[in-house]
Each structure stands twice: as C-alpha cells, then as structure tokens.
C-alpha atoms as a PDB file:
ATOM      1  CA  MET A   1       1.133  13.914 -20.004  1.00  0.00           C
ATOM      2  CA  LYS A   2      -1.655  16.048 -18.967  1.00  0.00           C
ATOM      3  CA  ALA A   3      -2.585  16.807 -15.712  1.00  0.00           C
ATOM      4  CA  LEU A   4      -6.321  15.514 -14.193  1.00  0.00           C
ATOM      5  CA  ASP A   5      -8.018  17.165 -11.585  1.00  0.00           C
ATOM      6  CA  THR A   6      -8.293  15.124  -8.278  1.00  0.00           C
ATOM      7  CA  ARG A   7      -9.129  17.437  -5.918  1.00  0.00           C
ATOM      8  CA  LYS A   8     -12.363  16.573  -6.048  1.00  0.00           C
ATOM      9  CA  ALA A   9     -11.601  12.461  -5.363  1.00  0.00           C
ATOM     10  CA  ARG A  10     -12.370  11.081  -2.236  1.00  0.00           C
ATOM     11  CA  VAL A  11     -10.390   7.770  -0.969  1.00  0.00           C
ATOM     12  CA  LEU A  12     -10.986   6.012   2.155  1.00  0.00           C
ATOM     13  CA  VAL A  13      -8.250   3.286   3.146  1.00  0.00           C
ATOM     14  CA  VAL A  14      -7.923   1.229   5.802  1.00  0.00           C
ATOM     15  CA  GLY A  15      -5.236  -1.282   7.252  1.00  0.00           C
ATOM     16  CA  ASP A  16      -2.107  -1.821   8.764  1.00  0.00           C
ATOM     17  CA  VAL A  17      -0.609   1.494   9.926  1.00  0.00           C
ATOM     18  CA  MET A  18       2.981   1.341  11.062  1.00  0.00           C
ATOM     19  CA  LEU A  19       6.161   3.844  11.208  1.00  0.00           C
ATOM     20  CA  ASP A  20       9.210   3.334   9.047  1.00  0.00           C
ATOM     21  CA  ARG A  21      12.446   5.334  10.777  1.00  0.00           C
ATOM     22  CA  TYR A  22      15.781   5.283   9.132  1.00  0.00           C
ATOM     23  CA  TRP A  23      18.572   5.222  11.015  1.00  0.00           C
ATOM     24  CA  PHE A  24      21.624   6.631   8.806  1.00  0.00           C
ATOM     25  CA  GLY A  25      25.585   6.398   9.663  1.00  0.00           C
ATOM     26  CA  ASP A  26      29.058   5.741   9.084  1.00  0.00           C
ATOM     27  CA  VAL A  27      31.166   2.375   9.160  1.00  0.00           C
ATOM     28  CA  THR A  28      34.769   2.382   9.059  1.00  0.00           C
ATOM     29  CA  ARG A  29      35.505  -0.707  11.155  1.00  0.00           C
ATOM     30  CA  VAL A  30      34.023  -4.104  12.178  1.00  0.00           C
ATOM     31  CA  SER A  31      33.785  -4.891  15.661  1.00  0.00           C
ATOM     32  CA  PRO A  32      35.793  -6.454  17.590  1.00  0.00           C
ATOM     33  CA  GLU A  33      33.183  -8.379  19.508  1.00  0.00           C
ATOM     34  CA  ALA A  34      31.610 -10.682  16.382  1.00  0.00           C
ATOM     35  CA  PRO A  35      32.278  -9.534  12.326  1.00  0.00           C
ATOM     36  CA  VAL A  36      29.616  -7.101  12.468  1.00  0.00           C
ATOM     37  CA  PRO A  37      29.980  -3.945  11.247  1.00  0.00           C
ATOM     38  CA  VAL A  38      30.155  -0.817  13.902  1.00  0.00           C
ATOM     39  CA  VAL A  39      27.891   1.790  12.803  1.00  0.00           C
ATOM     40  CA  ARG A  40      28.475   5.607  13.878  1.00  0.00           C
ATOM     41  CA  PHE A  41      24.769   7.327  14.436  1.00  0.00           C
ATOM     42  CA  ARG A  42      24.507  10.233  11.947  1.00  0.00           C
ATOM     43  CA  ASN A  43      21.290  11.014  11.893  1.00  0.00           C
ATOM     44  CA  GLN A  44      17.649   9.511  11.867  1.00  0.00           C
ATOM     45  CA  GLU A  45      14.119  10.002   9.652  1.00  0.00           C
ATOM     46  CA  GLU A  46      10.428   8.801   9.894  1.00  0.00           C
ATOM     47  CA  ARG A  47       8.260   8.310   7.662  1.00  0.00           C
ATOM     48  CA  LEU A  48       4.716   6.494   7.337  1.00  0.00           C
ATOM     49  CA  GLY A  49       4.495   3.434   6.382  1.00  0.00           C
ATOM     50  CA  GLY A  50       2.051   0.580   5.738  1.00  0.00           C
ATOM     51  CA  ALA A  51      -1.352   1.921   5.029  1.00  0.00           C
ATOM     52  CA  ALA A  52      -0.538   4.921   6.295  1.00  0.00           C
ATOM     53  CA  ASN A  53       1.990   5.542   3.361  1.00  0.00           C
ATOM     54  CA  VAL A  54      -1.112   4.611   1.056  1.00  0.00           C
ATOM     55  CA  ALA A  55      -2.856   7.197   2.463  1.00  0.00           C
ATOM     56  CA  ASN A  56       0.112   9.772   1.979  1.00  0.00           C
ATOM     57  CA  ASN A  57      -0.024   9.054  -1.569  1.00  0.00           C
ATOM     58  CA  CYS A  58      -3.208   9.313  -1.723  1.00  0.00           C
ATOM     59  CA  ALA A  59      -2.976  13.026  -0.335  1.00  0.00           C
ATOM     60  CA  ALA A  60      -0.163  13.783  -2.452  1.00  0.00           C
ATOM     61  CA  LEU A  61      -1.804  13.578  -5.175  1.00  0.00           C
ATOM     62  CA  GLY A  62      -4.589  15.743  -3.984  1.00  0.00           C
ATOM     63  CA  ALA A  63      -7.537  13.172  -3.163  1.00  0.00           C
ATOM     64  CA  ARG A  64      -9.526  14.031  -0.041  1.00  0.00           C
ATOM     65  CA  THR A  65      -7.922  11.319   2.072  1.00  0.00           C
ATOM     66  CA  ARG A  66      -9.498   9.337   5.216  1.00  0.00           C
ATOM     67  CA  LEU A  67      -7.446   7.006   7.187  1.00  0.00           C
ATOM     68  CA  LEU A  68      -9.264   4.192   9.406  1.00  0.00           C
ATOM     69  CA  SER A  69      -6.868   2.047  11.409  1.00  0.00           C
ATOM     70  CA  VAL A  70      -5.265   1.093  14.671  1.00  0.00           C
ATOM     71  CA  THR A  71      -1.790   1.995  16.781  1.00  0.00           C
ATOM     72  CA  GLY A  72      -0.659   1.658  19.964  1.00  0.00           C
ATOM     73  CA  ALA A  73      -1.206   4.149  23.091  1.00  0.00           C
ATOM     74  CA  ASP A  74       2.924   5.045  22.324  1.00  0.00           C
ATOM     75  CA  GLU A  75       5.896   7.114  21.602  1.00  0.00           C
ATOM     76  CA  ALA A  76       5.578   5.534  18.201  1.00  0.00           C
ATOM     77  CA  GLY A  77       1.516   5.972  17.574  1.00  0.00           C
ATOM     78  CA  ASP A  78       1.978   9.860  19.309  1.00  0.00           C
ATOM     79  CA  ARG A  79       4.554  10.566  16.251  1.00  0.00           C
ATOM     80  CA  LEU A  80       2.469   8.553  13.678  1.00  0.00           C
ATOM     81  CA  GLU A  81      -0.469  11.036  14.385  1.00  0.00           C
ATOM     82  CA  MET A  82       1.171  13.816  14.067  1.00  0.00           C
ATOM     83  CA  MET A  83       2.549  12.914  10.989  1.00  0.00           C
ATOM     84  CA  VAL A  84      -0.573  11.607   9.539  1.00  0.00           C
ATOM     85  CA  LYS A  85      -1.995  15.398  10.602  1.00  0.00           C
ATOM     86  CA  GLU A  86       1.045  17.301   8.969  1.00  0.00           C
ATOM     87  CA  ALA A  87      -0.283  15.408   5.477  1.00  0.00           C
ATOM     88  CA  GLY A  88      -3.501  16.220   5.202  1.00  0.00           C
ATOM     89  CA  ILE A  89      -4.933  13.294   6.075  1.00  0.00           C
ATOM     90  CA  GLN A  90      -8.093  12.801   7.829  1.00  0.00           C
ATOM     91  CA  ALA A  91      -7.158  10.085  10.552  1.00  0.00           C
ATOM     92  CA  ASN A  92      -9.825   7.703  12.577  1.00  0.00           C
ATOM     93  CA  LEU A  93      -6.607   6.148  14.273  1.00  0.00           C
ATOM     94  CA  LEU A  94      -8.048   4.189  17.684  1.00  0.00           C
ATOM     95  CA  ARG A  95      -5.042   4.131  19.976  1.00  0.00           C
ATOM     96  CA  ASP A  96      -4.980   0.387  21.544  1.00  0.00           C
ATOM     97  CA  PRO A  97      -3.385   0.462  24.891  1.00  0.00           C
ATOM     98  CA  LYS A  98      -2.712  -3.212  24.728  1.00  0.00           C
ATOM     99  CA  THR A  99      -1.254  -3.249  21.224  1.00  0.00           C
ATOM    100  CA  PRO A 100       2.436  -1.480  20.601  1.00  0.00           C
ATOM    101  CA  THR A 101       1.995   0.348  17.117  1.00  0.00           C
ATOM    102  CA  THR A 102       4.100  -1.598  14.960  1.00  0.00           C
ATOM    103  CA  VAL A 103       7.623  -0.061  13.656  1.00  0.00           C
ATOM    104  CA  LYS A 104       9.642  -0.635  11.166  1.00  0.00           C
ATOM    105  CA  LEU A 105      13.849   0.399  11.938  1.00  0.00           C
ATOM    106  CA  ARG A 106      16.214   0.460   9.435  1.00  0.00           C
ATOM    107  CA  VAL A 107      19.912   1.158   9.748  1.00  0.00           C
ATOM    108  CA  LEU A 108      21.551   2.252   6.787  1.00  0.00           C
ATOM    109  CA  SER A 109      24.935   3.183   5.984  1.00  0.00           C
ATOM    110  CA  LYS A 110      25.155   3.367   1.965  1.00  0.00           C
ATOM    111  CA  GLN A 111      23.151   0.692   2.144  1.00  0.00           C
ATOM    112  CA  GLN A 112      20.274  -1.172   4.040  1.00  0.00           C
ATOM    113  CA  LEU A 113      22.295  -3.216   6.924  1.00  0.00           C
ATOM    114  CA  LEU A 114      19.630  -4.424   9.395  1.00  0.00           C
ATOM    115  CA  ARG A 115      16.063  -4.387   9.892  1.00  0.00           C
ATOM    116  CA  ILE A 116      14.552  -4.516  13.327  1.00  0.00           C
ATOM    117  CA  ASP A 117      10.615  -5.113  13.428  1.00  0.00           C
ATOM    118  CA  PHE A 118       8.365  -4.035  16.417  1.00  0.00           C
ATOM    119  CA  GLU A 119       4.861  -5.469  16.012  1.00  0.00           C
ATOM    120  CA  THR A 120       1.712  -7.335  17.651  1.00  0.00           C
ATOM    121  CA  ALA A 121      -1.166  -8.016  16.142  1.00  0.00           C
ATOM    122  CA  PRO A 122      -4.256  -5.716  17.685  1.00  0.00           C
ATOM    123  CA  SER A 123      -6.489  -6.599  19.818  1.00  0.00           C
ATOM    124  CA  GLY A 124     -10.528  -8.381  18.791  1.00  0.00           C
ATOM    125  CA  GLU A 125     -11.903  -5.221  20.527  1.00  0.00           C
ATOM    126  CA  ALA A 126      -9.668  -2.693  19.118  1.00  0.00           C
ATOM    127  CA  LEU A 127     -10.603  -4.361  15.162  1.00  0.00           C
ATOM    128  CA  ALA A 128     -14.517  -4.789  16.176  1.00  0.00           C
ATOM    129  CA  SER A 129     -14.794  -1.253  17.082  1.00  0.00           C
ATOM    130  CA  LYS A 130     -13.734  -0.429  13.739  1.00  0.00           C
ATOM    131  CA  LEU A 131     -16.029  -1.722  11.647  1.00  0.00           C
ATOM    132  CA  ALA A 132     -18.843   0.753  12.781  1.00  0.00           C
ATOM    133  CA  ASP A 133     -16.665   3.671  12.173  1.00  0.00           C
ATOM    134  CA  PHE A 134     -15.574   2.015   8.743  1.00  0.00           C
ATOM    135  CA  LYS A 135     -19.857   2.076   7.841  1.00  0.00           C
ATOM    136  CA  ALA A 136     -20.253   5.285   9.152  1.00  0.00           C
ATOM    137  CA  ALA A 137     -16.974   6.515   6.325  1.00  0.00           C
ATOM    138  CA  LEU A 138     -18.595   4.939   3.418  1.00  0.00           C
ATOM    139  CA  PRO A 139     -20.960   7.571   2.229  1.00  0.00           C
ATOM    140  CA  SER A 140     -18.040  10.471   2.368  1.00  0.00           C
ATOM    141  CA  CYS A 141     -15.617   8.035   0.102  1.00  0.00           C
ATOM    142  CA  ASP A 142     -15.781   7.189  -3.858  1.00  0.00           C
ATOM    143  CA  VAL A 143     -12.996   4.162  -3.532  1.00  0.00           C
ATOM    144  CA  VAL A 144     -12.131   2.345  -1.018  1.00  0.00           C
ATOM    145  CA  ILE A 145      -8.233   0.806  -1.014  1.00  0.00           C
ATOM    146  CA  LEU A 146      -7.748  -2.376   1.952  1.00  0.00           C
ATOM    147  CA  SER A 147      -3.890  -1.972   2.689  1.00  0.00           C
ATOM    148  CA  ASP A 148      -3.251  -5.650   3.996  1.00  0.00           C
ATOM    149  CA  TYR A 149      -0.010  -5.900   5.400  1.00  0.00           C
ATOM    150  CA  GLY A 150      -0.610  -9.241   7.353  1.00  0.00           C
ATOM    151  CA  LYS A 151      -0.418  -7.432  10.838  1.00  0.00           C
ATOM    152  CA  GLY A 152      -3.687  -8.230  11.691  1.00  0.00           C
ATOM    153  CA  GLY A 153      -5.326  -5.107  11.407  1.00  0.00           C
ATOM    154  CA  LEU A 154      -8.116  -6.204   8.338  1.00  0.00           C
ATOM    155  CA  ALA A 155      -9.516  -9.751  10.671  1.00  0.00           C
ATOM    156  CA  HIS A 156     -12.733  -8.207   9.381  1.00  0.00           C
ATOM    157  CA  ILE A 157     -12.171  -7.696   5.528  1.00  0.00           C
ATOM    158  CA  ALA A 158     -15.024  -9.777   4.361  1.00  0.00           C
ATOM    159  CA  LYS A 159     -17.296  -8.019   5.962  1.00  0.00           C
ATOM    160  CA  MET A 160     -15.863  -4.646   5.174  1.00  0.00           C
ATOM    161  CA  ILE A 161     -16.021  -5.258   1.356  1.00  0.00           C
ATOM    162  CA  GLY A 162     -19.450  -6.502   1.725  1.00  0.00           C
ATOM    163  CA  LEU A 163     -20.183  -3.534   3.346  1.00  0.00           C
ATOM    164  CA  ALA A 164     -18.467  -1.207   0.798  1.00  0.00           C
ATOM    165  CA  ARG A 165     -19.609  -2.710  -2.281  1.00  0.00           C
ATOM    166  CA  ALA A 166     -23.355  -2.815  -1.086  1.00  0.00           C
ATOM    167  CA  ALA A 167     -22.860   1.159  -0.651  1.00  0.00           C
ATOM    168  CA  GLY A 168     -21.524   0.840  -4.097  1.00  0.00           C
ATOM    169  CA  LYS A 169     -18.103   1.965  -3.647  1.00  0.00           C
ATOM    170  CA  SER A 170     -14.964   0.720  -5.649  1.00  0.00           C
ATOM    171  CA  VAL A 171     -13.110  -2.044  -3.450  1.00  0.00           C
ATOM    172  CA  LEU A 172      -9.509  -2.172  -4.006  1.00  0.00           C
ATOM    173  CA  VAL A 173      -7.379  -4.828  -2.202  1.00  0.00           C
ATOM    174  CA  ASP A 174      -3.283  -4.535  -1.616  1.00  0.00           C
ATOM    175  CA  PRO A 175      -3.199  -8.463  -1.196  1.00  0.00           C
ATOM    176  CA  LYS A 176      -0.697 -10.363   1.525  1.00  0.00           C
ATOM    177  CA  GLY A 177      -0.500 -14.463   2.358  1.00  0.00           C
ATOM    178  CA  ASP A 178      -1.653 -17.403   0.501  1.00  0.00           C
ATOM    179  CA  ASP A 179      -5.487 -17.356   1.129  1.00  0.00           C
ATOM    180  CA  TRP A 180      -7.622 -14.842  -0.679  1.00  0.00           C
ATOM    181  CA  SER A 181     -11.014 -16.137  -0.243  1.00  0.00           C
ATOM    182  CA  ARG A 182     -11.017 -13.357   2.339  1.00  0.00           C
ATOM    183  CA  TYR A 183     -10.673 -10.782  -0.484  1.00  0.00           C
ATOM    184  CA  LYS A 184     -14.040 -12.423  -2.413  1.00  0.00           C
ATOM    185  CA  GLY A 185     -16.318  -9.418  -3.525  1.00  0.00           C
ATOM    186  CA  ALA A 186     -13.504  -6.933  -4.313  1.00  0.00           C
ATOM    187  CA  GLN A 187     -13.408  -4.557  -7.265  1.00  0.00           C
ATOM    188  CA  VAL A 188      -9.419  -5.127  -7.722  1.00  0.00           C
ATOM    189  CA  ILE A 189      -6.546  -6.569  -6.285  1.00  0.00           C
ATOM    190  CA  THR A 190      -3.051  -5.623  -7.133  1.00  0.00           C
ATOM    191  CA  PRO A 191      -0.542  -8.111  -6.435  1.00  0.00           C
ATOM    192  CA  ASN A 192       2.979  -8.792  -7.272  1.00  0.00           C
ATOM    193  CA  ARG A 193       4.399 -11.605  -9.496  1.00  0.00           C
ATOM    194  CA  LYS A 194       5.648 -13.244  -5.743  1.00  0.00           C
ATOM    195  CA  GLU A 195       2.258 -12.649  -4.315  1.00  0.00           C
ATOM    196  CA  LEU A 196       0.169 -14.132  -7.281  1.00  0.00           C
ATOM    197  CA  ALA A 197       2.239 -17.188  -7.298  1.00  0.00           C
ATOM    198  CA  ASP A 198       2.089 -18.039  -4.364  1.00  0.00           C
ATOM    199  CA  VAL A 199      -1.603 -18.075  -4.889  1.00  0.00           C
ATOM    200  CA  VAL A 200      -1.976 -19.646  -8.189  1.00  0.00           C
ATOM    201  CA  GLY A 201       1.397 -21.408  -8.317  1.00  0.00           C
ATOM    202  CA  SER A 202       4.478 -21.182 -10.789  1.00  0.00           C
ATOM    203  CA  TRP A 203       3.258 -20.553 -14.237  1.00  0.00           C
ATOM    204  CA  LYS A 204       5.180 -21.788 -17.775  1.00  0.00           C
ATOM    205  CA  SER A 205       3.776 -19.103 -20.150  1.00  0.00           C
ATOM    206  CA  GLU A 206       1.525 -15.676 -20.802  1.00  0.00           C
ATOM    207  CA  SER A 207      -1.218 -18.152 -21.730  1.00  0.00           C
ATOM    208  CA  ASP A 208      -0.885 -20.032 -18.813  1.00  0.00           C
ATOM    209  CA  LEU A 209      -0.854 -17.497 -16.440  1.00  0.00           C
ATOM    210  CA  GLU A 210      -3.877 -15.831 -18.097  1.00  0.00           C
ATOM    211  CA  ARG A 211      -5.678 -19.402 -17.126  1.00  0.00           C
ATOM    212  CA  ARG A 212      -4.398 -19.010 -13.785  1.00  0.00           C
ATOM    213  CA  VAL A 213      -5.802 -15.485 -13.330  1.00  0.00           C
ATOM    214  CA  SER A 214      -8.876 -16.224 -15.030  1.00  0.00           C
ATOM    215  CA  ARG A 215      -9.713 -18.803 -12.652  1.00  0.00           C
ATOM    216  CA  LEU A 216      -8.600 -16.682  -9.859  1.00  0.00           C
ATOM    217  CA  ARG A 217     -10.956 -13.942 -10.647  1.00  0.00           C
ATOM    218  CA  THR A 218     -14.062 -16.544 -11.230  1.00  0.00           C
ATOM    219  CA  GLN A 219     -13.333 -17.793  -7.850  1.00  0.00           C
ATOM    220  CA  LEU A 220     -12.936 -14.445  -5.802  1.00  0.00           C
ATOM    221  CA  GLY A 221     -15.890 -12.806  -8.031  1.00  0.00           C
ATOM    222  CA  LEU A 222     -13.024  -9.849  -9.132  1.00  0.00           C
ATOM    223  CA  ASP A 223     -13.606  -7.449 -11.433  1.00  0.00           C
ATOM    224  CA  ALA A 224     -10.357  -6.839 -12.663  1.00  0.00           C
ATOM    225  CA  LEU A 225      -6.372  -8.187 -11.080  1.00  0.00           C
ATOM    226  CA  LEU A 226      -3.416  -5.875 -11.845  1.00  0.00           C
ATOM    227  CA  LEU A 227      -0.284  -7.532 -11.447  1.00  0.00           C
ATOM    228  CA  THR A 228       2.940  -5.340 -10.867  1.00  0.00           C
ATOM    229  CA  ARG A 229       6.038  -7.412 -12.536  1.00  0.00           C
ATOM    230  CA  GLY A 230       8.764  -4.990 -11.325  1.00  0.00           C
ATOM    231  CA  ASP A 231      10.904  -4.603 -14.458  1.00  0.00           C
ATOM    232  CA  GLU A 232       8.752  -5.742 -16.917  1.00  0.00           C
ATOM    233  CA  GLY A 233       5.988  -3.292 -15.943  1.00  0.00           C
ATOM    234  CA  MET A 234       2.311  -4.416 -15.154  1.00  0.00           C
ATOM    235  CA  SER A 235      -0.677  -6.321 -16.935  1.00  0.00           C
ATOM    236  CA  LEU A 236      -4.078  -5.952 -16.212  1.00  0.00           C
ATOM    237  CA  TYR A 237      -6.187  -8.768 -16.329  1.00  0.00           C
ATOM    238  CA  SER A 238     -10.441  -8.321 -16.916  1.00  0.00           C
ATOM    239  CA  ALA A 239     -13.066  -9.644 -18.423  1.00  0.00           C
ATOM    240  CA  LYS A 240     -11.788  -8.204 -21.490  1.00  0.00           C
ATOM    241  CA  ARG A 241      -8.176  -9.193 -23.167  1.00  0.00           C
ATOM    242  CA  PRO A 242      -5.347  -8.870 -21.200  1.00  0.00           C
ATOM    243  CA  VAL A 243      -3.197  -5.204 -20.932  1.00  0.00           C
ATOM    244  CA  HIS A 244       0.637  -5.221 -20.961  1.00  0.00           C
ATOM    245  CA  VAL A 245       2.555  -1.660 -19.888  1.00  0.00           C
ATOM    246  CA  LYS A 246       6.215  -1.655 -20.182  1.00  0.00           C
ATOM    247  CA  ALA A 247       7.994  -0.421 -17.212  1.00  0.00           C
ATOM    248  CA  GLU A 248       9.255   3.129 -17.497  1.00  0.00           C
ATOM    249  CA  ALA A 249      13.147   3.451 -17.592  1.00  0.00           C
ATOM    250  CA  ARG A 250      14.378   5.025 -14.897  1.00  0.00           C
ATOM    251  CA  GLU A 251      16.886   4.109 -12.223  1.00  0.00           C
ATOM    252  CA  VAL A 252      15.794   1.710  -9.564  1.00  0.00           C
ATOM    253  CA  PHE A 253      16.684   2.741  -6.270  1.00  0.00           C
ATOM    254  CA  ASP A 254      14.647   1.130  -3.930  1.00  0.00           C
ATOM    255  CA  VAL A 255      11.529  -0.454  -4.577  1.00  0.00           C
ATOM    256  CA  SER A 256      10.150  -0.801  -0.645  1.00  0.00           C
ATOM    257  CA  GLY A 257       6.614   0.675  -1.152  1.00  0.00           C
ATOM    258  CA  ALA A 258       6.089   0.860  -4.875  1.00  0.00           C
ATOM    259  CA  GLY A 259       3.224  -0.969  -4.165  1.00  0.00           C
ATOM    260  CA  ASP A 260       1.501   1.578  -1.970  1.00  0.00           C
ATOM    261  CA  THR A 261       2.386   3.898  -4.676  1.00  0.00           C
ATOM    262  CA  VAL A 262       0.448   1.941  -7.165  1.00  0.00           C
ATOM    263  CA  ILE A 263      -2.399   0.936  -5.321  1.00  0.00           C
ATOM    264  CA  ALA A 264      -2.886   4.585  -4.083  1.00  0.00           C
ATOM    265  CA  THR A 265      -2.304   6.172  -7.832  1.00  0.00           C
ATOM    266  CA  LEU A 266      -5.100   3.602  -9.202  1.00  0.00           C
ATOM    267  CA  ALA A 267      -7.412   4.563  -6.735  1.00  0.00           C
ATOM    268  CA  THR A 268      -7.151   7.763  -6.679  1.00  0.00           C
ATOM    269  CA  MET A 269      -7.627   8.187 -10.441  1.00  0.00           C
ATOM    270  CA  LEU A 270     -10.483   6.154 -10.605  1.00  0.00           C
ATOM    271  CA  ALA A 271     -11.945   8.276  -7.554  1.00  0.00           C
ATOM    272  CA  SER A 272     -11.193  11.177 -10.334  1.00  0.00           C
ATOM    273  CA  GLY A 273     -13.117   9.665 -12.997  1.00  0.00           C
ATOM    274  CA  VAL A 274     -10.707   7.530 -14.975  1.00  0.00           C
ATOM    275  CA  ARG A 275     -11.489   4.821 -16.709  1.00  0.00           C
ATOM    276  CA  LEU A 276      -9.530   1.275 -15.330  1.00  0.00           C
ATOM    277  CA  GLU A 277      -7.049   0.708 -18.020  1.00  0.00           C
ATOM    278  CA  GLN A 278      -5.873   4.212 -18.338  1.00  0.00           C
ATOM    279  CA  ALA A 279      -5.743   4.629 -14.603  1.00  0.00           C
ATOM    280  CA  MET A 280      -3.401   1.445 -14.961  1.00  0.00           C
ATOM    281  CA  ARG A 281      -1.040   3.468 -17.421  1.00  0.00           C
ATOM    282  CA  ILE A 282      -0.680   6.273 -14.933  1.00  0.00           C
ATOM    283  CA  ALA A 283      -0.093   4.146 -12.071  1.00  0.00           C
ATOM    284  CA  ASN A 284       3.115   2.405 -13.784  1.00  0.00           C
ATOM    285  CA  ARG A 285       4.302   5.719 -14.511  1.00  0.00           C
ATOM    286  CA  ALA A 286       3.678   6.690 -10.397  1.00  0.00           C
ATOM    287  CA  GLY A 287       5.730   3.222  -9.668  1.00  0.00           C
ATOM    288  CA  GLY A 288       8.627   4.485 -11.501  1.00  0.00           C
ATOM    289  CA  ILE A 289       8.538   7.796 -10.025  1.00  0.00           C
ATOM    290  CA  LYS A 290       8.811   6.046  -6.924  1.00  0.00           C
ATOM    291  CA  VAL A 291      11.345   3.130  -7.261  1.00  0.00           C
ATOM    292  CA  ALA A 292      13.993   6.026  -7.795  1.00  0.00           C
ATOM    293  CA  LYS A 293      13.489   7.254  -3.930  1.00  0.00           C
ATOM    294  CA  LEU A 294      14.849   6.002  -0.850  1.00  0.00           C
ATOM    295  CA  GLY A 295      12.146   3.992   1.147  1.00  0.00           C
ATOM    296  CA  THR A 296       9.182   4.406   1.665  1.00  0.00           C
ATOM    297  CA  ALA A 297       8.097   8.080  -0.133  1.00  0.00           C
ATOM    298  CA  VAL A 298       5.384   9.377  -2.240  1.00  0.00           C
ATOM    299  CA  VAL A 299       4.537  10.521  -6.155  1.00  0.00           C
ATOM    300  CA  THR A 300       3.041  14.379  -6.157  1.00  0.00           C
ATOM    301  CA  ARG A 301       0.972  15.106  -8.186  1.00  0.00           C
ATOM    302  CA  LYS A 302       3.154  17.468  -9.816  1.00  0.00           C
ATOM    303  CA  GLU A 303       6.032  14.970 -10.668  1.00  0.00           C
ATOM    304  CA  LEU A 304       3.533  12.345 -11.844  1.00  0.00           C
ATOM    305  CA  PHE A 305       1.527  15.135 -14.571  1.00  0.00           C
ATOM    306  CA  THR A 306       5.180  16.954 -15.542  1.00  0.00           C
ATOM    307  CA  THR A 307       8.302  14.824 -14.901  1.00  0.00           C
END
C-alpha cells in the first residue's frame, strides 16, 4: 500500500480515558483457600486505554493529536498524564479530585485470568468546564473523535457534536449503550456487530440489515455508518450502495482496543484528505494488524504502509 503523508492531519480526541495495567505471572498451583489459581507475580506493563488509546493511535500514525478528558488527581492520573506526554500528544486533562482515574487491571498467565475495573463517573462540574476547552480547540483540528466508553465523560456529547458541526468539522463517534439519540448530527459512527444489534435489533439477512441501518442513519442524520464485523471485515453504509471489505488474514491474538485503532485510523486518513471509502479500507488493514498484538496497542504509520 502506498504511504500517505499524515503529518498535516489534525485530530481532536475527546472521551473517557483510562489506564490499562497488565500484571503478568506464572501459575503452578491451585490455592488451598479456594479453587482458584495462585499467580506468582513477575512483571507489570501500563498502557493508555480508552480515548487515550485512540489518541495514541492517531499520534502513532503521524497525526498532530490533541486529547481532552478528565482524570483523577491521583497516582494513576499522574502516570496517564506522563504517558500521554511521552506519546507526543497535546493533552488537556482536567484533574478532578472528586473522581479517581479509571483503571483496568488485567492478570495474565499465558491467558487472561482476571480483570478488575476501578471506575467512577466524573463530577458534573468537571464535565461542564470541558465544553469551553472543546470549543477553543475546534479551530486547530480537522476531525473530531468522540470516544464513548460509557464512563460518563461525554455527558455533553450532543452539545459537542453541534459545536463541531457548526464549526465545519467532521465528527466521528465510537458509540456505547443502546440510546444513540445523543449522537444525532455526527458524520460517522463506528459500532461493532453487538453494539449495532443492541440498537436496531437482530437482522435476518444482509438486506434486512441494510434497511435497519438506513432507518438509523435517517433518524440520526448520519452521513455514514461503519460496521466492524470481526473476522468478516467491515461494511460501510452511506447514501451510496454498501461497501464490504474482508478482514485481512492474520492470526488473531487479542481484539481488545481494535475499535480504537479503527476509528483513529479512519479519522487520521480523513484528516489527510483521503475519501471515506478508501479511509475505511486503510482502517480495516490497521485493525488486522492490531489484533495480532496483546492488549491495547498502537499501529504505526510504518506498519500500516509497509507490512
């Protein structure tokens, strides 16, 4: 695939950030206290998660990336802020003393044994204060990504979409939950199969799916809907005929964070002047590269255009 110059792409990412922690260890016995494995801790890794992972993927692809979000005034927030800076992301992270930073802790020994989530929705005052920052950031971006992980960080998403579209910016949304009315006016949303089925119901055929998506696009005023279909690839639904692309043949190791990589790639390509259909094909390739990696991870520009 011919390499594209993404250095002039400007992407603004807003949403729920989190710190992903991985504890690796060895299991050689079962606990005498309960029928559970005993993990002997070996080492730890930390990675950017949620909207921070989306921003990290944009930056890895060469885009000038800005991140707006809320974290806690705690150790995890300190670590997340440092990692964002190290990734070359321009961040505006409001440190809310009332809300601990969201952390996902995974315990692994050859495979994932346990995940523990530490999360609390940010306070209303913190969220309201981000609207001014969002409005101020719009002139310096081409594309806006609203990364909704359902953690409460996008309580004002309808206002954000309105502000962004009024400023002439493309808005991409990674949706969550079964009420998508708050995404009305976005340009593109990028659900997976389960997320879409939770909203439009189960479909019996491709033609049935097309009708359901068409109704949804009309209701929400969307330009397009990009459906990620796992090992079946992706489908792009717009005013034109649907476009389907097959998944690239790779060994699937871990699908977590693949949606972040897809929407980050799509946004970066659009901000680089690529048409939507071609941007979708490139995002499909990026998703295929990501699932061969463990956990939340980035796909670099070099990997995307040379592997």
